[in-house]
């Protein structure tokens, strides 16, 4: 096998180094085509590498190979390969922007089937400690069917879940208690709150503490 010249090899190694991740952080917000990553208190606006949108399979090759040959391409089963809560590795452009090049293994994920004919998953959030489903008691009226779907999604992944109802100062407590009694009997903690009246706020903080 012909040996590379020193200058050629250094150029190849430099190209590889520039594509290697230089930082690690957590995705906390998604914008259209961009991802906000918190890296040790620093916020970066990142795009993602095109290779994350497909799974590429390479043969074993020399690490300085400039043109690695792809032997297979596998479709991903998710609408977006990066989700809120993902711990990612990225290349840092030096101006508070970067490119996500790797998604680290997830502890868990909350998913639902994406709209459309294709059998794709839409990942809502990952690496979750608990699921807190928040609904207003009125204005707008609570959608109990949507609440059921969120709780079912949490159950399917083994995540603990609780229900929080807000704006309790605008309704009769008895009417909400009647609706939420089913969830209490099923074992879900239900918290009735009112920001205007300061009701249930401290208990809500305690439920979120350390999570």
Foldseek 3Di string as FASTA:
>chain_A
DDDDDPVLLVVLVVVVVQFDFDFKFFFADDDVQWTWTQGPNATAIEHEDPCLQWPFDFDDDDSSDPDTDTPDIHGDQAPDSDEGGWIFTWRDPPPRYTYTYGTDDFPWWQWDADDDDRRHIYTHHTNDQAAEAEEEVPPPHDDVVVVVVSVVSCVVTVHAYAYEYEPPVVDDPVVVCVVCVVVVVVPHHYFYYYPVVGGRPVVVCVVPPPD
